[in-house]
Amino acid sequence: MRIESLLQHDVVERILERLAVNSLPRFKAVSKQWKSTIESQFFQGKHLTHRQQSGDPVVLMVTVYNDDSPHVGSLLLGSRRTRNPTTLII
């Protein structure tokens, strides 16, 4: 049975919003719908808002599309107190 048939997608989104940002890339492999959700600006905004409201570090997720490569993504991790955020290229 497919995961999409077990959970409504809005429930999946609420779960994904609460995950640590470093967990999200592996969940993009679950399905095309999950990948599309995680890469959407709307979801990224909700994820950032949830992190800010929960007191967790500020997390900025950036997705960059380039004609020379199929997909390049980067994550900028930091907090309000961090002067030098960490950048991860995925």
PDB file of N, CA and C in Angstrom:
ATOM      1  N   MET A   1       0.850  -1.177   0.000  1.00  0.00           N
ATOM      2  CA  MET A   1       0.000   0.000   0.000  1.00  0.00           C
ATOM      3  C   MET A   1       0.896   1.241   0.000  1.00  0.00           C
ATOM      4  N   ARG A   2       0.556   2.210  -0.831  1.00  0.00           N
ATOM      5  CA  ARG A   2       1.350   3.431  -0.952  1.00  0.00           C
ATOM      6  C   ARG A   2       1.096   4.357   0.232  1.00  0.00           C
ATOM      7  N   ILE A   3       2.136   5.085   0.612  1.00  0.00           N
ATOM      8  CA  ILE A   3       2.041   6.000   1.753  1.00  0.00           C
ATOM      9  C   ILE A   3       0.980   7.076   1.502  1.00  0.00           C
ATOM     10  N   GLU A   4       0.824   7.502   0.231  1.00  0.00           N
ATOM     11  CA  GLU A   4      -0.154   8.540  -0.088  1.00  0.00           C
ATOM     12  C   GLU A   4      -1.578   8.104   0.228  1.00  0.00           C
ATOM     13  N   SER A   5      -1.841   6.802   0.159  1.00  0.00           N
ATOM     14  CA  SER A   5      -3.194   6.326   0.439  1.00  0.00           C
ATOM     15  C   SER A   5      -3.448   6.162   1.938  1.00  0.00           C
ATOM     16  N   LEU A   6      -2.405   6.188   2.735  1.00  0.00           N
ATOM     17  CA  LEU A   6      -2.567   6.035   4.181  1.00  0.00           C
ATOM     18  C   LEU A   6      -2.806   7.365   4.895  1.00  0.00           C
ATOM     19  N   LEU A   7      -2.174   8.417   4.413  1.00  0.00           N
ATOM     20  CA  LEU A   7      -2.273   9.725   5.056  1.00  0.00           C
ATOM     21  C   LEU A   7      -2.748  10.767   4.055  1.00  0.00           C
ATOM     22  N   GLN A   8      -3.625  11.647   4.483  1.00  0.00           N
ATOM     23  CA  GLN A   8      -4.000  12.773   3.640  1.00  0.00           C
ATOM     24  C   GLN A   8      -2.795  13.697   3.535  1.00  0.00           C
ATOM     25  N   HIS A   9      -2.664  14.358   2.389  1.00  0.00           N
ATOM     26  CA  HIS A   9      -1.452  15.147   2.160  1.00  0.00           C
ATOM     27  C   HIS A   9      -1.308  16.318   3.132  1.00  0.00           C
ATOM     28  N   ASP A  10      -2.402  16.916   3.573  1.00  0.00           N
ATOM     29  CA  ASP A  10      -2.278  18.014   4.529  1.00  0.00           C
ATOM     30  C   ASP A  10      -1.695  17.540   5.857  1.00  0.00           C
ATOM     31  N   VAL A  11      -1.976  16.296   6.226  1.00  0.00           N
ATOM     32  CA  VAL A  11      -1.388  15.712   7.440  1.00  0.00           C
ATOM     33  C   VAL A  11       0.112  15.506   7.230  1.00  0.00           C
ATOM     34  N   VAL A  12       0.474  15.015   6.064  1.00  0.00           N
ATOM     35  CA  VAL A  12       1.887  14.821   5.728  1.00  0.00           C
ATOM     36  C   VAL A  12       2.623  16.157   5.804  1.00  0.00           C
ATOM     37  N   GLU A  13       2.040  17.211   5.237  1.00  0.00           N
ATOM     38  CA  GLU A  13       2.669  18.533   5.276  1.00  0.00           C
ATOM     39  C   GLU A  13       2.897  19.004   6.705  1.00  0.00           C
ATOM     40  N   ARG A  14       1.920  18.808   7.562  1.00  0.00           N
ATOM     41  CA  ARG A  14       2.066  19.246   8.960  1.00  0.00           C
ATOM     42  C   ARG A  14       3.188  18.482   9.664  1.00  0.00           C
ATOM     43  N   ILE A  15       3.332  17.209   9.334  1.00  0.00           N
ATOM     44  CA  ILE A  15       4.416  16.408   9.911  1.00  0.00           C
ATOM     45  C   ILE A  15       5.758  16.911   9.382  1.00  0.00           C
ATOM     46  N   LEU A  16       5.848  17.105   8.070  1.00  0.00           N
ATOM     47  CA  LEU A  16       7.097  17.556   7.461  1.00  0.00           C
ATOM     48  C   LEU A  16       7.520  18.927   7.983  1.00  0.00           C
ATOM     49  N   GLU A  17       6.561  19.805   8.260  1.00  0.00           N
ATOM     50  CA  GLU A  17       6.859  21.137   8.801  1.00  0.00           C
ATOM     51  C   GLU A  17       7.639  21.058  10.106  1.00  0.00           C
ATOM     52  N   ARG A  18       7.415  20.012  10.856  1.00  0.00           N
ATOM     53  CA  ARG A  18       8.001  19.897  12.189  1.00  0.00           C
ATOM     54  C   ARG A  18       9.339  19.166  12.202  1.00  0.00           C
ATOM     55  N   LEU A  19       9.752  18.657  11.067  1.00  0.00           N
ATOM     56  CA  LEU A  19      11.021  17.934  11.002  1.00  0.00           C
ATOM     57  C   LEU A  19      12.193  18.898  10.943  1.00  0.00           C
ATOM     58  N   ALA A  20      13.322  18.441  11.422  1.00  0.00           N
ATOM     59  CA  ALA A  20      14.548  19.225  11.304  1.00  0.00           C
ATOM     60  C   ALA A  20      14.895  19.367   9.828  1.00  0.00           C
ATOM     61  N   VAL A  21      15.469  20.500   9.474  1.00  0.00           N
ATOM     62  CA  VAL A  21      15.762  20.770   8.070  1.00  0.00           C
ATOM     63  C   VAL A  21      16.711  19.733   7.468  1.00  0.00           C
ATOM     64  N   ASN A  22      17.619  19.192   8.267  1.00  0.00           N
ATOM     65  CA  ASN A  22      18.556  18.202   7.721  1.00  0.00           C
ATOM     66  C   ASN A  22      17.885  16.863   7.442  1.00  0.00           C
ATOM     67  N   SER A  23      16.666  16.655   7.897  1.00  0.00           N
ATOM     68  CA  SER A  23      15.916  15.429   7.602  1.00  0.00           C
ATOM     69  C   SER A  23      15.142  15.525   6.290  1.00  0.00           C
ATOM     70  N   LEU A  24      14.835  16.731   5.865  1.00  0.00           N
ATOM     71  CA  LEU A  24      13.954  16.914   4.713  1.00  0.00           C
ATOM     72  C   LEU A  24      14.488  16.335   3.400  1.00  0.00           C
ATOM     73  N   PRO A  25      15.777  16.466   3.077  1.00  0.00           N
ATOM     74  CA  PRO A  25      16.235  15.921   1.787  1.00  0.00           C
ATOM     75  C   PRO A  25      15.934  14.436   1.598  1.00  0.00           C
ATOM     76  N   ARG A  26      16.058  13.642   2.618  1.00  0.00           N
ATOM     77  CA  ARG A  26      15.795  12.210   2.436  1.00  0.00           C
ATOM     78  C   ARG A  26      14.306  11.925   2.228  1.00  0.00           C
ATOM     79  N   PHE A  27      13.426  12.784   2.744  1.00  0.00           N
ATOM     80  CA  PHE A  27      11.996  12.579   2.549  1.00  0.00           C
ATOM     81  C   PHE A  27      11.540  12.974   1.148  1.00  0.00           C
ATOM     82  N   LYS A  28      12.380  13.702   0.409  1.00  0.00           N
ATOM     83  CA  LYS A  28      12.038  14.026  -0.973  1.00  0.00           C
ATOM     84  C   LYS A  28      12.015  12.773  -1.843  1.00  0.00           C
ATOM     85  N   ALA A  29      12.679  11.712  -1.404  1.00  0.00           N
ATOM     86  CA  ALA A  29      12.727  10.470  -2.181  1.00  0.00           C
ATOM     87  C   ALA A  29      11.483   9.596  -1.983  1.00  0.00           C
ATOM     88  N   VAL A  30      10.625   9.936  -1.041  1.00  0.00           N
ATOM     89  CA  VAL A  30       9.442   9.108  -0.758  1.00  0.00           C
ATOM     90  C   VAL A  30       8.486   9.089  -1.943  1.00  0.00           C
ATOM     91  N   SER A  31       8.194  10.257  -2.489  1.00  0.00           N
ATOM     92  CA  SER A  31       7.286  10.326  -3.639  1.00  0.00           C
ATOM     93  C   SER A  31       7.489  11.655  -4.356  1.00  0.00           C
ATOM     94  N   LYS A  32       6.985  11.723  -5.570  1.00  0.00           N
ATOM     95  CA  LYS A  32       7.064  12.972  -6.331  1.00  0.00           C
ATOM     96  C   LYS A  32       6.282  14.076  -5.634  1.00  0.00           C
ATOM     97  N   GLN A  33       5.164  13.722  -5.016  1.00  0.00           N
ATOM     98  CA  GLN A  33       4.341  14.716  -4.323  1.00  0.00           C
ATOM     99  C   GLN A  33       5.083  15.285  -3.113  1.00  0.00           C
ATOM    100  N   TRP A  34       5.746  14.428  -2.345  1.00  0.00           N
ATOM    101  CA  TRP A  34       6.499  14.906  -1.188  1.00  0.00           C
ATOM    102  C   TRP A  34       7.654  15.792  -1.649  1.00  0.00           C
ATOM    103  N   LYS A  35       8.347  15.385  -2.697  1.00  0.00           N
ATOM    104  CA  LYS A  35       9.459  16.172  -3.235  1.00  0.00           C
ATOM    105  C   LYS A  35       8.960  17.547  -3.667  1.00  0.00           C
ATOM    106  N   SER A  36       7.870  17.569  -4.398  1.00  0.00           N
ATOM    107  CA  SER A  36       7.292  18.825  -4.858  1.00  0.00           C
ATOM    108  C   SER A  36       6.887  19.710  -3.680  1.00  0.00           C
ATOM    109  N   THR A  37       6.311  19.108  -2.663  1.00  0.00           N
ATOM    110  CA  THR A  37       5.897  19.854  -1.469  1.00  0.00           C
ATOM    111  C   THR A  37       7.102  20.475  -0.776  1.00  0.00           C
ATOM    112  N   ILE A  38       8.128  19.678  -0.513  1.00  0.00           N
ATOM    113  CA  ILE A  38       9.309  20.155   0.216  1.00  0.00           C
ATOM    114  C   ILE A  38      10.030  21.250  -0.560  1.00  0.00           C
ATOM    115  N   GLU A  39      10.024  21.177  -1.881  1.00  0.00           N
ATOM    116  CA  GLU A  39      10.717  22.165  -2.700  1.00  0.00           C
ATOM    117  C   GLU A  39       9.885  23.419  -2.960  1.00  0.00           C
ATOM    118  N   SER A  40       8.608  23.410  -2.593  1.00  0.00           N
ATOM    119  CA  SER A  40       7.754  24.570  -2.876  1.00  0.00           C
ATOM    120  C   SER A  40       8.065  25.729  -1.928  1.00  0.00           C
ATOM    121  N   GLN A  41       7.968  26.942  -2.455  1.00  0.00           N
ATOM    122  CA  GLN A  41       8.204  28.129  -1.634  1.00  0.00           C
ATOM    123  C   GLN A  41       7.174  28.235  -0.516  1.00  0.00           C
ATOM    124  N   PHE A  42       5.942  27.830  -0.790  1.00  0.00           N
ATOM    125  CA  PHE A  42       4.891  27.881   0.226  1.00  0.00           C
ATOM    126  C   PHE A  42       5.269  27.016   1.428  1.00  0.00           C
ATOM    127  N   PHE A  43       5.696  25.772   1.174  1.00  0.00           N
ATOM    128  CA  PHE A  43       6.088  24.881   2.263  1.00  0.00           C
ATOM    129  C   PHE A  43       7.304  25.438   2.992  1.00  0.00           C
ATOM    130  N   GLN A  44       8.283  25.928   2.248  1.00  0.00           N
ATOM    131  CA  GLN A  44       9.496  26.452   2.871  1.00  0.00           C
ATOM    132  C   GLN A  44       9.175  27.621   3.791  1.00  0.00           C
ATOM    133  N   GLY A  45       8.223  28.454   3.384  1.00  0.00           N
ATOM    134  CA  GLY A  45       7.787  29.552   4.244  1.00  0.00           C
ATOM    135  C   GLY A  45       7.107  29.049   5.506  1.00  0.00           C
ATOM    136  N   LYS A  46       6.246  28.034   5.360  1.00  0.00           N
ATOM    137  CA  LYS A  46       5.575  27.459   6.534  1.00  0.00           C
ATOM    138  C   LYS A  46       6.593  26.798   7.462  1.00  0.00           C
ATOM    139  N   HIS A  47       7.578  26.121   6.892  1.00  0.00           N
ATOM    140  CA  HIS A  47       8.612  25.456   7.687  1.00  0.00           C
ATOM    141  C   HIS A  47       9.403  26.491   8.483  1.00  0.00           C
ATOM    142  N   LEU A  48       9.789  27.580   7.833  1.00  0.00           N
ATOM    143  CA  LEU A  48      10.530  28.643   8.503  1.00  0.00           C
ATOM    144  C   LEU A  48       9.688  29.273   9.610  1.00  0.00           C
ATOM    145  N   THR A  49       8.421  29.554   9.328  1.00  0.00           N
ATOM    146  CA  THR A  49       7.525  30.135  10.334  1.00  0.00           C
ATOM    147  C   THR A  49       7.400  29.222  11.546  1.00  0.00           C
ATOM    148  N   HIS A  50       7.250  27.926  11.304  1.00  0.00           N
ATOM    149  CA  HIS A  50       7.137  26.974  12.412  1.00  0.00           C
ATOM    150  C   HIS A  50       8.411  26.980  13.250  1.00  0.00           C
ATOM    151  N   ARG A  51       9.572  27.008  12.610  1.00  0.00           N
ATOM    152  CA  ARG A  51      10.848  27.027  13.336  1.00  0.00           C
ATOM    153  C   ARG A  51      10.957  28.287  14.181  1.00  0.00           C
ATOM    154  N   GLN A  52      10.559  29.427  13.621  1.00  0.00           N
ATOM    155  CA  GLN A  52      10.646  30.685  14.365  1.00  0.00           C
ATOM    156  C   GLN A  52       9.709  30.678  15.569  1.00  0.00           C
ATOM    157  N   GLN A  53       8.512  30.159  15.394  1.00  0.00           N
ATOM    158  CA  GLN A  53       7.532  30.146  16.475  1.00  0.00           C
ATOM    159  C   GLN A  53       7.873  29.128  17.549  1.00  0.00           C
ATOM    160  N   SER A  54       8.581  28.072  17.177  1.00  0.00           N
ATOM    161  CA  SER A  54       8.891  27.025  18.147  1.00  0.00           C
ATOM    162  C   SER A  54      10.152  27.335  18.949  1.00  0.00           C
ATOM    163  N   GLY A  55      10.850  28.411  18.592  1.00  0.00           N
ATOM    164  CA  GLY A  55      12.064  28.756  19.318  1.00  0.00           C
ATOM    165  C   GLY A  55      13.292  28.029  18.815  1.00  0.00           C
ATOM    166  N   ASP A  56      13.138  27.203  17.787  1.00  0.00           N
ATOM    167  CA  ASP A  56      14.286  26.532  17.194  1.00  0.00           C
ATOM    168  C   ASP A  56      15.094  27.546  16.391  1.00  0.00           C
ATOM    169  N   PRO A  57      16.300  27.186  16.003  1.00  0.00           N
ATOM    170  CA  PRO A  57      17.106  28.112  15.202  1.00  0.00           C
ATOM    171  C   PRO A  57      16.389  28.507  13.917  1.00  0.00           C
ATOM    172  N   VAL A  58      16.682  29.711  13.470  1.00  0.00           N
ATOM    173  CA  VAL A  58      16.127  30.177  12.207  1.00  0.00           C
ATOM    174  C   VAL A  58      16.754  29.361  11.088  1.00  0.00           C
ATOM    175  N   VAL A  59      15.933  28.872  10.200  1.00  0.00           N
ATOM    176  CA  VAL A  59      16.406  28.051   9.095  1.00  0.00           C
ATOM    177  C   VAL A  59      15.871  28.642   7.806  1.00  0.00           C
ATOM    178  N   LEU A  60      16.758  28.933   6.889  1.00  0.00           N
ATOM    179  CA  LEU A  60      16.350  29.424   5.587  1.00  0.00           C
ATOM    180  C   LEU A  60      16.646  28.340   4.568  1.00  0.00           C
ATOM    181  N   MET A  61      15.614  27.886   3.873  1.00  0.00           N
ATOM    182  CA  MET A  61      15.799  26.864   2.848  1.00  0.00           C
ATOM    183  C   MET A  61      15.718  27.555   1.494  1.00  0.00           C
ATOM    184  N   VAL A  62      16.739  27.374   0.688  1.00  0.00           N
ATOM    185  CA  VAL A  62      16.788  28.000  -0.623  1.00  0.00           C
ATOM    186  C   VAL A  62      16.940  26.916  -1.672  1.00  0.00           C
ATOM    187  N   THR A  63      16.133  26.975  -2.704  1.00  0.00           N
ATOM    188  CA  THR A  63      16.258  26.051  -3.822  1.00  0.00           C
ATOM    189  C   THR A  63      16.590  26.859  -5.065  1.00  0.00           C
ATOM    190  N   VAL A  64      17.657  26.469  -5.745  1.00  0.00           N
ATOM    191  CA  VAL A  64      18.111  27.176  -6.934  1.00  0.00           C
ATOM    192  C   VAL A  64      18.020  26.234  -8.126  1.00  0.00           C
ATOM    193  N   TYR A  65      17.379  26.680  -9.177  1.00  0.00           N
ATOM    194  CA  TYR A  65      17.308  25.901 -10.412  1.00  0.00           C
ATOM    195  C   TYR A  65      18.222  26.551 -11.438  1.00  0.00           C
ATOM    196  N   ASN A  66      18.960  25.713 -12.159  1.00  0.00           N
ATOM    197  CA  ASN A  66      19.943  26.194 -13.104  1.00  0.00           C
ATOM    198  C   ASN A  66      19.814  25.389 -14.388  1.00  0.00           C
ATOM    199  N   ASP A  67      19.912  26.039 -15.534  1.00  0.00           N
ATOM    200  CA  ASP A  67      19.816  25.330 -16.814  1.00  0.00           C
ATOM    201  C   ASP A  67      20.970  24.359 -17.031  1.00  0.00           C
ATOM    202  N   ASP A  68      22.118  24.624 -16.421  1.00  0.00           N
ATOM    203  CA  ASP A  68      23.294  23.779 -16.607  1.00  0.00           C
ATOM    204  C   ASP A  68      23.240  22.487 -15.807  1.00  0.00           C
ATOM    205  N   SER A  69      22.453  22.461 -14.762  1.00  0.00           N
ATOM    206  CA  SER A  69      22.336  21.243 -13.963  1.00  0.00           C
ATOM    207  C   SER A  69      20.861  21.026 -13.647  1.00  0.00           C
ATOM    208  N   PRO A  70      20.454  19.769 -13.495  1.00  0.00           N
ATOM    209  CA  PRO A  70      19.035  19.496 -13.270  1.00  0.00           C
ATOM    210  C   PRO A  70      18.480  20.122 -11.995  1.00  0.00           C
ATOM    211  N   HIS A  71      19.261  20.129 -10.932  1.00  0.00           N
ATOM    212  CA  HIS A  71      18.763  20.685  -9.673  1.00  0.00           C
ATOM    213  C   HIS A  71      19.938  20.944  -8.747  1.00  0.00           C
ATOM    214  N   VAL A  72      20.009  22.137  -8.256  1.00  0.00           N
ATOM    215  CA  VAL A  72      21.017  22.486  -7.261  1.00  0.00           C
ATOM    216  C   VAL A  72      20.269  23.089  -6.089  1.00  0.00           C
ATOM    217  N   GLY A  73      20.524  22.613  -4.900  1.00  0.00           N
ATOM    218  CA  GLY A  73      19.857  23.157  -3.729  1.00  0.00           C
ATOM    219  C   GLY A  73      20.865  23.538  -2.673  1.00  0.00           C
ATOM    220  N   SER A  74      20.517  24.490  -1.857  1.00  0.00           N
ATOM    221  CA  SER A  74      21.382  24.846  -0.740  1.00  0.00           C
ATOM    222  C   SER A  74      20.518  25.185   0.462  1.00  0.00           C
ATOM    223  N   LEU A  75      21.076  24.987   1.619  1.00  0.00           N
ATOM    224  CA  LEU A  75      20.398  25.311   2.866  1.00  0.00           C
ATOM    225  C   LEU A  75      21.291  26.260   3.652  1.00  0.00           C
ATOM    226  N   LEU A  76      20.727  27.337   4.152  1.00  0.00           N
ATOM    227  CA  LEU A  76      21.454  28.279   4.983  1.00  0.00           C
ATOM    228  C   LEU A  76      20.924  28.117   6.396  1.00  0.00           C
ATOM    229  N   LEU A  77      21.781  27.682   7.295  1.00  0.00           N
ATOM    230  CA  LEU A  77      21.364  27.399   8.664  1.00  0.00           C
ATOM    231  C   LEU A  77      21.977  28.423   9.605  1.00  0.00           C
ATOM    232  N   GLY A  78      21.183  28.915  10.506  1.00  0.00           N
ATOM    233  CA  GLY A  78      21.691  29.857  11.478  1.00  0.00           C
ATOM    234  C   GLY A  78      20.617  30.196  12.485  1.00  0.00           C
ATOM    235  N   SER A  79      20.889  31.158  13.315  1.00  0.00           N
ATOM    236  CA  SER A  79      19.899  31.626  14.275  1.00  0.00           C
ATOM    237  C   SER A  79      20.055  33.130  14.413  1.00  0.00           C
ATOM    238  N   ARG A  80      19.197  33.730  15.184  1.00  0.00           N
ATOM    239  CA  ARG A  80      19.281  35.177  15.381  1.00  0.00           C
ATOM    240  C   ARG A  80      20.595  35.572  16.044  1.00  0.00           C
ATOM    241  N   ARG A  81      21.189  34.654  16.782  1.00  0.00           N
ATOM    242  CA  ARG A  81      22.438  34.946  17.485  1.00  0.00           C
ATOM    243  C   ARG A  81      23.678  34.595  16.663  1.00  0.00           C
ATOM    244  N   THR A  82      23.506  33.913  15.542  1.00  0.00           N
ATOM    245  CA  THR A  82      24.639  33.455  14.748  1.00  0.00           C
ATOM    246  C   THR A  82      25.070  34.528  13.765  1.00  0.00           C
ATOM    247  N   ARG A  83      26.340  34.902  13.837  1.00  0.00           N
ATOM    248  CA  ARG A  83      26.863  35.881  12.888  1.00  0.00           C
ATOM    249  C   ARG A  83      27.318  35.217  11.596  1.00  0.00           C
ATOM    250  N   ASN A  84      27.768  33.969  11.668  1.00  0.00           N
ATOM    251  CA  ASN A  84      28.251  33.243  10.503  1.00  0.00           C
ATOM    252  C   ASN A  84      27.431  31.974  10.320  1.00  0.00           C
ATOM    253  N   PRO A  85      26.352  32.054   9.554  1.00  0.00           N
ATOM    254  CA  PRO A  85      25.535  30.856   9.360  1.00  0.00           C
ATOM    255  C   PRO A  85      26.278  29.799   8.553  1.00  0.00           C
ATOM    256  N   THR A  86      25.828  28.574   8.654  1.00  0.00           N
ATOM    257  CA  THR A  86      26.400  27.455   7.931  1.00  0.00           C
ATOM    258  C   THR A  86      25.633  27.263   6.637  1.00  0.00           C
ATOM    259  N   THR A  87      26.351  27.065   5.548  1.00  0.00           N
ATOM    260  CA  THR A  87      25.705  26.796   4.267  1.00  0.00           C
ATOM    261  C   THR A  87      26.023  25.377   3.848  1.00  0.00           C
ATOM    262  N   LEU A  88      24.998  24.612   3.520  1.00  0.00           N
ATOM    263  CA  LEU A  88      25.152  23.246   3.037  1.00  0.00           C
ATOM    264  C   LEU A  88      24.673  23.198   1.604  1.00  0.00           C
ATOM    265  N   ILE A  89      25.474  22.624   0.728  1.00  0.00           N
ATOM    266  CA  ILE A  89      25.063  22.430  -0.657  1.00  0.00           C
ATOM    267  C   ILE A  89      24.600  20.991  -0.792  1.00  0.00           C
ATOM    268  N   ILE A  90      23.360  20.804  -1.261  1.00  0.00           N
ATOM    269  CA  ILE A  90      22.828  19.444  -1.400  1.00  0.00           C
ATOM    270  C   ILE A  90      22.504  19.155  -2.847  1.00  0.00           C
TER     271      ILE A  90
END
